[in-house]
Amino acid sequence: MCARVVYSTGLGQMCPDCGASITDCRCAQPGAADEAVPQHITAKLRMERQGRGGKMVTVILGLPNNTAFLKELAAKLKAACGTGGTVKAGTVELAGDVRDRVLPLLEARGIRVKG
């Protein structure tokens, strides 16, 4: 049996992530699931094609799993490269081969980049 309430009129709003009521939800609190952003970040830069219908994607791995930091970084990189992208847990994915444009941008922000 599932312990998660699917629908109820008596509990009020439910969190879409954890299924708890909004008053009891811990994931809705800012910074609840986020790591702190360290002073020195070493990221990995690579190209991937697998699982994306043959499209090339530039992936930046090894970033701290902080939602606000990742969203802000992804927005800056997408705007500077003129491409689309997405944020996943600890990674930023940018459409196309934009490694040559991303590398100086990351280094300017103080993020060391490996291979």
C-alpha atoms as a PDB file:
ATOM      1  CA  MET A   1       0.000   0.000   0.000  1.00  0.00           C
ATOM      2  CA  CYS A   2       1.052   3.573  -0.631  1.00  0.00           C
ATOM      3  CA  ALA A   3       1.430   5.779   2.458  1.00  0.00           C
ATOM      4  CA  ARG A   4       1.271   8.927   0.362  1.00  0.00           C
ATOM      5  CA  VAL A   5      -2.082  10.712   0.208  1.00  0.00           C
ATOM      6  CA  VAL A   6      -3.135  11.146  -3.422  1.00  0.00           C
ATOM      7  CA  TYR A   7      -6.187  13.346  -2.884  1.00  0.00           C
ATOM      8  CA  SER A   8      -7.905  14.775   0.152  1.00  0.00           C
ATOM      9  CA  THR A   9     -10.125  17.791   0.701  1.00  0.00           C
ATOM     10  CA  GLY A  10      -9.272  18.136   4.377  1.00  0.00           C
ATOM     11  CA  LEU A  11      -5.503  18.566   4.267  1.00  0.00           C
ATOM     12  CA  GLY A  12      -5.162  21.723   2.177  1.00  0.00           C
ATOM     13  CA  GLN A  13      -2.406  22.098  -0.389  1.00  0.00           C
ATOM     14  CA  MET A  14       0.021  19.242  -0.925  1.00  0.00           C
ATOM     15  CA  CYS A  15       3.664  19.483  -1.972  1.00  0.00           C
ATOM     16  CA  PRO A  16       4.081  18.084  -5.515  1.00  0.00           C
ATOM     17  CA  ASP A  17       7.566  16.759  -4.702  1.00  0.00           C
ATOM     18  CA  CYS A  18       7.180  14.891  -1.413  1.00  0.00           C
ATOM     19  CA  GLY A  19       3.396  14.555  -1.061  1.00  0.00           C
ATOM     20  CA  ALA A  20       3.277  16.098   2.440  1.00  0.00           C
ATOM     21  CA  SER A  21       1.037  19.007   3.319  1.00  0.00           C
ATOM     22  CA  ILE A  22       2.570  22.434   2.635  1.00  0.00           C
ATOM     23  CA  THR A  23       2.910  23.139   6.373  1.00  0.00           C
ATOM     24  CA  ASP A  24       4.843  19.878   6.945  1.00  0.00           C
ATOM     25  CA  CYS A  25       6.916  19.983   3.749  1.00  0.00           C
ATOM     26  CA  ARG A  26      10.685  20.231   4.206  1.00  0.00           C
ATOM     27  CA  CYS A  27      11.617  20.379   0.531  1.00  0.00           C
ATOM     28  CA  ALA A  28       9.717  23.666   0.011  1.00  0.00           C
ATOM     29  CA  GLN A  29      11.943  25.485   2.494  1.00  0.00           C
ATOM     30  CA  PRO A  30      14.730  27.379   0.755  1.00  0.00           C
ATOM     31  CA  GLY A  31      18.036  25.580   0.995  1.00  0.00           C
ATOM     32  CA  ALA A  32      16.573  22.386   2.508  1.00  0.00           C
ATOM     33  CA  ALA A  33      18.054  20.081  -0.123  1.00  0.00           C
ATOM     34  CA  ASP A  34      20.804  22.372  -1.403  1.00  0.00           C
ATOM     35  CA  GLU A  35      24.499  22.045  -0.737  1.00  0.00           C
ATOM     36  CA  ALA A  36      26.516  25.074   0.214  1.00  0.00           C
ATOM     37  CA  VAL A  37      28.526  26.568  -2.633  1.00  0.00           C
ATOM     38  CA  PRO A  38      32.242  26.019  -1.901  1.00  0.00           C
ATOM     39  CA  GLN A  39      34.873  28.678  -2.517  1.00  0.00           C
ATOM     40  CA  HIS A  40      36.867  26.553  -4.985  1.00  0.00           C
ATOM     41  CA  ILE A  41      34.935  24.520  -7.536  1.00  0.00           C
ATOM     42  CA  THR A  42      36.520  22.056  -9.929  1.00  0.00           C
ATOM     43  CA  ALA A  43      34.155  21.080 -12.724  1.00  0.00           C
ATOM     44  CA  LYS A  44      34.475  18.664 -15.619  1.00  0.00           C
ATOM     45  CA  LEU A  45      33.526  19.646 -19.146  1.00  0.00           C
ATOM     46  CA  ARG A  46      32.569  17.008 -21.702  1.00  0.00           C
ATOM     47  CA  MET A  47      30.468  16.310 -24.773  1.00  0.00           C
ATOM     48  CA  GLU A  48      27.668  13.750 -24.783  1.00  0.00           C
ATOM     49  CA  ARG A  49      25.434  12.404 -27.491  1.00  0.00           C
ATOM     50  CA  GLN A  50      24.054   9.202 -26.005  1.00  0.00           C
ATOM     51  CA  GLY A  51      20.337   9.212 -25.152  1.00  0.00           C
ATOM     52  CA  ARG A  52      19.667  12.528 -26.891  1.00  0.00           C
ATOM     53  CA  GLY A  53      18.618  11.445 -30.346  1.00  0.00           C
ATOM     54  CA  GLY A  54      22.070  12.051 -31.828  1.00  0.00           C
ATOM     55  CA  LYS A  55      22.223  15.692 -30.732  1.00  0.00           C
ATOM     56  CA  MET A  56      25.476  16.970 -29.221  1.00  0.00           C
ATOM     57  CA  VAL A  57      25.274  18.406 -25.705  1.00  0.00           C
ATOM     58  CA  THR A  58      27.979  20.125 -23.661  1.00  0.00           C
ATOM     59  CA  VAL A  59      27.790  18.868 -20.067  1.00  0.00           C
ATOM     60  CA  ILE A  60      29.383  20.627 -17.093  1.00  0.00           C
ATOM     61  CA  LEU A  61      29.735  18.101 -14.244  1.00  0.00           C
ATOM     62  CA  GLY A  62      30.955  18.306 -10.666  1.00  0.00           C
ATOM     63  CA  LEU A  63      29.117  21.479  -9.723  1.00  0.00           C
ATOM     64  CA  PRO A  64      27.579  21.847  -6.253  1.00  0.00           C
ATOM     65  CA  ASN A  65      23.972  20.651  -6.038  1.00  0.00           C
ATOM     66  CA  ASN A  66      22.613  24.091  -5.162  1.00  0.00           C
ATOM     67  CA  THR A  67      19.494  24.935  -7.166  1.00  0.00           C
ATOM     68  CA  ALA A  68      19.842  28.712  -7.067  1.00  0.00           C
ATOM     69  CA  PHE A  69      23.542  28.586  -8.011  1.00  0.00           C
ATOM     70  CA  LEU A  70      22.946  26.152 -10.891  1.00  0.00           C
ATOM     71  CA  LYS A  71      19.998  28.091 -12.321  1.00  0.00           C
ATOM     72  CA  GLU A  72      21.901  31.371 -12.200  1.00  0.00           C
ATOM     73  CA  LEU A  73      25.002  29.798 -13.783  1.00  0.00           C
ATOM     74  CA  ALA A  74      22.964  28.101 -16.509  1.00  0.00           C
ATOM     75  CA  ALA A  75      21.133  31.327 -17.348  1.00  0.00           C
ATOM     76  CA  LYS A  76      24.422  33.236 -17.703  1.00  0.00           C
ATOM     77  CA  LEU A  77      26.012  30.499 -19.834  1.00  0.00           C
ATOM     78  CA  LYS A  78      22.962  30.118 -22.083  1.00  0.00           C
ATOM     79  CA  ALA A  79      22.788  33.864 -22.662  1.00  0.00           C
ATOM     80  CA  ALA A  80      26.523  34.149 -23.388  1.00  0.00           C
ATOM     81  CA  CYS A  81      26.539  31.161 -25.758  1.00  0.00           C
ATOM     82  CA  GLY A  82      23.205  31.897 -27.420  1.00  0.00           C
ATOM     83  CA  THR A  83      21.939  28.384 -26.919  1.00  0.00           C
ATOM     84  CA  GLY A  84      19.396  26.443 -24.900  1.00  0.00           C
ATOM     85  CA  GLY A  85      20.106  24.227 -21.967  1.00  0.00           C
ATOM     86  CA  THR A  86      18.879  22.656 -18.774  1.00  0.00           C
ATOM     87  CA  VAL A  87      19.868  22.122 -15.157  1.00  0.00           C
ATOM     88  CA  LYS A  88      20.031  18.699 -13.552  1.00  0.00           C
ATOM     89  CA  ALA A  89      21.376  17.595 -10.157  1.00  0.00           C
ATOM     90  CA  GLY A  90      24.917  18.958 -10.033  1.00  0.00           C
ATOM     91  CA  THR A  91      25.166  19.442 -13.810  1.00  0.00           C
ATOM     92  CA  VAL A  92      24.410  22.035 -16.452  1.00  0.00           C
ATOM     93  CA  GLU A  93      23.663  20.841 -19.999  1.00  0.00           C
ATOM     94  CA  LEU A  94      23.989  23.201 -22.960  1.00  0.00           C
ATOM     95  CA  ALA A  95      22.833  22.399 -26.481  1.00  0.00           C
ATOM     96  CA  GLY A  96      25.576  21.966 -29.051  1.00  0.00           C
ATOM     97  CA  ASP A  97      29.360  21.998 -28.881  1.00  0.00           C
ATOM     98  CA  VAL A  98      30.047  25.217 -26.956  1.00  0.00           C
ATOM     99  CA  ARG A  99      33.101  24.090 -24.980  1.00  0.00           C
ATOM    100  CA  ASP A 100      35.323  26.814 -26.445  1.00  0.00           C
ATOM    101  CA  ARG A 101      32.839  29.526 -25.351  1.00  0.00           C
ATOM    102  CA  VAL A 102      32.050  28.025 -21.930  1.00  0.00           C
ATOM    103  CA  LEU A 103      35.631  27.475 -20.749  1.00  0.00           C
ATOM    104  CA  PRO A 104      36.645  31.172 -20.414  1.00  0.00           C
ATOM    105  CA  LEU A 105      33.275  32.042 -18.859  1.00  0.00           C
ATOM    106  CA  LEU A 106      33.680  29.411 -16.145  1.00  0.00           C
ATOM    107  CA  GLU A 107      37.274  30.411 -15.454  1.00  0.00           C
ATOM    108  CA  ALA A 108      36.211  34.068 -15.148  1.00  0.00           C
ATOM    109  CA  ARG A 109      33.766  32.987 -12.408  1.00  0.00           C
ATOM    110  CA  GLY A 110      36.579  31.208 -10.534  1.00  0.00           C
ATOM    111  CA  ILE A 111      35.556  27.676 -11.511  1.00  0.00           C
ATOM    112  CA  ARG A 112      38.496  25.443 -12.452  1.00  0.00           C
ATOM    113  CA  VAL A 113      37.756  23.172 -15.421  1.00  0.00           C
ATOM    114  CA  LYS A 114      39.204  19.742 -16.122  1.00  0.00           C
ATOM    115  CA  GLY A 115      39.235  17.963 -19.469  1.00  0.00           C
END
